[in-house]
N, C-alpha and C. Protein backbone atom coordinates (compact mmCIF):
# COMPACT_ATOMS: atom_id res chain seq x y z
N MET A 1 97.33 100.14 79.86
CA MET A 1 97.02 101.22 80.28
C MET A 1 96.95 101.53 81.81
N LEU A 2 97.55 102.74 81.34
CA LEU A 2 97.95 103.00 83.19
C LEU A 2 96.60 103.38 83.93
N LYS A 3 96.04 102.39 85.13
CA LYS A 3 94.89 103.25 86.04
C LYS A 3 95.14 104.25 86.57
N LEU A 4 94.34 105.09 86.06
CA LEU A 4 94.44 106.03 87.45
C LEU A 4 93.60 107.02 87.78
N ASP A 5 92.21 105.84 88.02
CA ASP A 5 90.78 106.16 88.19
C ASP A 5 90.69 106.76 90.47
N ASP A 6 92.02 106.01 90.61
CA ASP A 6 92.16 106.33 92.22
C ASP A 6 93.25 107.23 92.71
N VAL A 7 94.08 107.95 91.82
CA VAL A 7 95.13 108.86 91.76
C VAL A 7 94.89 110.01 92.36
N ASP A 8 95.07 111.07 93.36
CA ASP A 8 94.90 112.36 93.57
C ASP A 8 96.12 113.00 92.94
N LEU A 9 97.32 112.37 93.48
CA LEU A 9 98.62 113.22 92.96
C LEU A 9 99.70 112.64 92.36
N ILE A 10 100.60 112.37 90.84
CA ILE A 10 101.65 112.30 90.93
C ILE A 10 102.95 112.81 91.04
N ARG A 11 103.67 112.67 91.39
CA ARG A 11 104.91 112.94 91.71
C ARG A 11 105.93 112.76 90.11
N ILE A 12 106.82 113.66 89.68
CA ILE A 12 107.56 112.89 88.29
C ILE A 12 109.00 113.66 89.52
N ASN A 13 109.68 112.34 89.16
CA ASN A 13 111.42 112.32 89.25
C ASN A 13 111.85 113.25 87.81
N ASN A 14 112.50 114.03 88.26
CA ASN A 14 113.31 114.79 86.86
C ASN A 14 114.81 114.48 86.64
N GLN A 15 115.11 113.39 87.67
CA GLN A 15 117.04 113.22 88.42
C GLN A 15 116.72 111.70 87.55
N SER A 16 117.97 111.48 87.25
CA SER A 16 118.25 110.05 86.42
C SER A 16 119.35 109.44 87.45
N LEU A 17 118.55 108.64 87.30
CA LEU A 17 119.27 107.55 88.32
C LEU A 17 120.47 106.59 88.69
N GLU A 18 120.85 107.05 86.81
CA GLU A 18 122.09 106.37 86.13
C GLU A 18 123.22 107.58 86.50
N ASP A 19 122.98 108.44 86.25
CA ASP A 19 124.28 110.05 86.24
C ASP A 19 124.04 110.79 87.07
N PHE A 20 122.04 110.70 87.65
CA PHE A 20 122.13 111.73 88.37
C PHE A 20 122.11 113.28 87.85
N SER A 21 121.92 113.51 86.38
CA SER A 21 121.44 114.62 85.84
C SER A 21 120.18 114.67 86.26
N VAL A 22 119.89 115.92 85.46
CA VAL A 22 118.88 116.16 86.10
C VAL A 22 117.99 116.79 84.71
N ASN A 23 116.56 116.42 83.95
CA ASN A 23 116.38 117.11 82.72
C ASN A 23 114.76 117.27 83.31
N ILE A 24 114.48 118.66 83.09
CA ILE A 24 113.17 119.59 83.42
C ILE A 24 112.46 118.91 82.02
N GLY A 25 112.66 118.53 80.98
CA GLY A 25 111.88 118.04 80.06
C GLY A 25 111.24 116.93 80.03
N THR A 26 111.58 116.11 81.17
CA THR A 26 111.33 115.07 81.58
C THR A 26 109.63 115.24 81.62
N THR A 27 108.95 116.23 82.86
CA THR A 27 107.94 116.68 83.11
C THR A 27 106.89 116.41 81.99
N GLY A 28 107.31 117.72 81.58
CA GLY A 28 107.06 117.97 80.06
C GLY A 28 106.59 117.20 78.94
N GLN A 29 107.35 116.41 78.95
CA GLN A 29 107.66 114.69 77.95
C GLN A 29 105.89 114.19 78.49
N LEU A 30 105.77 113.79 79.98
CA LEU A 30 105.40 113.14 80.45
C LEU A 30 103.57 113.68 80.39
N LEU A 31 103.72 115.37 80.94
CA LEU A 31 102.32 115.86 80.44
C LEU A 31 101.78 115.87 79.31
N THR A 32 102.66 116.29 78.55
CA THR A 32 102.15 116.17 77.53
C THR A 32 101.14 114.64 76.35
N ALA A 33 101.75 113.67 77.09
CA ALA A 33 100.99 112.35 76.67
C ALA A 33 99.81 112.02 77.53
N ARG A 34 99.76 112.66 78.65
CA ARG A 34 98.55 112.35 79.47
C ARG A 34 98.28 113.65 79.63
N ARG A 35 98.40 114.99 79.45
CA ARG A 35 97.44 116.41 79.62
C ARG A 35 95.92 115.81 80.15
N SER A 36 95.20 115.69 78.80
CA SER A 36 93.92 115.50 79.34
C SER A 36 93.39 115.23 80.08
N GLN A 37 94.27 113.39 80.49
CA GLN A 37 93.32 112.54 81.15
C GLN A 37 93.98 112.72 82.21
N LEU A 38 95.17 113.50 83.06
CA LEU A 38 95.30 114.53 84.10
C LEU A 38 94.38 114.99 84.35
N GLN A 39 93.96 116.25 83.68
CA GLN A 39 92.95 117.42 83.94
C GLN A 39 91.64 117.03 83.89
N SER A 40 91.14 115.93 83.03
CA SER A 40 89.70 115.07 83.54
C SER A 40 89.68 114.52 84.67
N LEU A 41 90.49 114.24 85.39
CA LEU A 41 90.73 113.31 86.31
C LEU A 41 90.66 114.46 87.57
N GLY A 42 91.06 115.77 87.55
CA GLY A 42 91.84 116.84 88.47
C GLY A 42 92.99 116.46 89.66
N ILE A 43 93.74 115.42 88.63
CA ILE A 43 94.77 115.22 89.35
C ILE A 43 96.51 115.95 89.52
N ILE A 44 96.82 116.22 90.39
CA ILE A 44 97.90 117.13 90.50
C ILE A 44 98.72 116.75 90.26
N VAL A 45 99.90 117.30 89.61
CA VAL A 45 101.29 117.25 88.88
C VAL A 45 102.50 118.23 89.79
N VAL A 46 103.28 117.15 90.41
CA VAL A 46 104.29 118.23 90.90
C VAL A 46 105.79 117.27 90.27
N SER A 47 106.46 118.54 89.95
CA SER A 47 107.55 118.03 88.93
C SER A 47 108.74 117.90 90.37
N GLU A 48 109.47 117.25 90.29
CA GLU A 48 110.65 117.09 91.44
C GLU A 48 112.23 117.40 90.99
N SER A 49 112.63 117.53 91.79
CA SER A 49 114.31 117.44 91.66
C SER A 49 114.76 117.60 90.20
N GLY A 50 115.77 119.15 90.31
CA GLY A 50 116.06 120.03 89.29
C GLY A 50 115.36 121.88 89.64
N LEU A 51 114.27 121.14 90.62
CA LEU A 51 113.50 122.75 90.54
C LEU A 51 114.46 123.57 90.71
N TYR A 52 114.86 122.97 92.78
CA TYR A 52 115.62 123.88 93.76
C TYR A 52 117.18 123.84 93.20
N ILE A 53 117.41 123.36 92.38
CA ILE A 53 119.04 122.99 91.37
C ILE A 53 118.68 124.55 90.48
N ALA A 54 118.03 124.80 90.01
CA ALA A 54 117.85 125.46 88.90
C ALA A 54 117.36 126.62 89.55
N ILE A 55 116.91 127.18 90.12
CA ILE A 55 117.34 128.41 91.12
C ILE A 55 118.57 128.58 91.94
N LEU A 56 118.86 128.04 92.37
CA LEU A 56 120.34 128.36 93.44
C LEU A 56 121.17 128.30 92.09
N ASN A 57 120.96 127.68 91.26
CA ASN A 57 122.13 128.27 89.48
C ASN A 57 121.88 129.94 89.25
N HIS A 58 120.77 130.32 90.22
CA HIS A 58 120.59 131.56 89.39
C HIS A 58 120.52 132.67 90.16
N LEU A 59 121.00 131.94 91.72
CA LEU A 59 121.00 133.17 92.74
C LEU A 59 122.27 133.76 92.69
């Protein structure tokens, strides 16, 4: 079981270290699995890698 008692912030990396592809769905999958636990503990979740790239692609 993942212990989150002393955790304030979780950073989720959406970039694969195998081929450097980015899948923003990684954050969604992890939040779906742990959303209620994270909310009840007041843990902040930061989704990283891919957001900046996605924004640049739309400019």
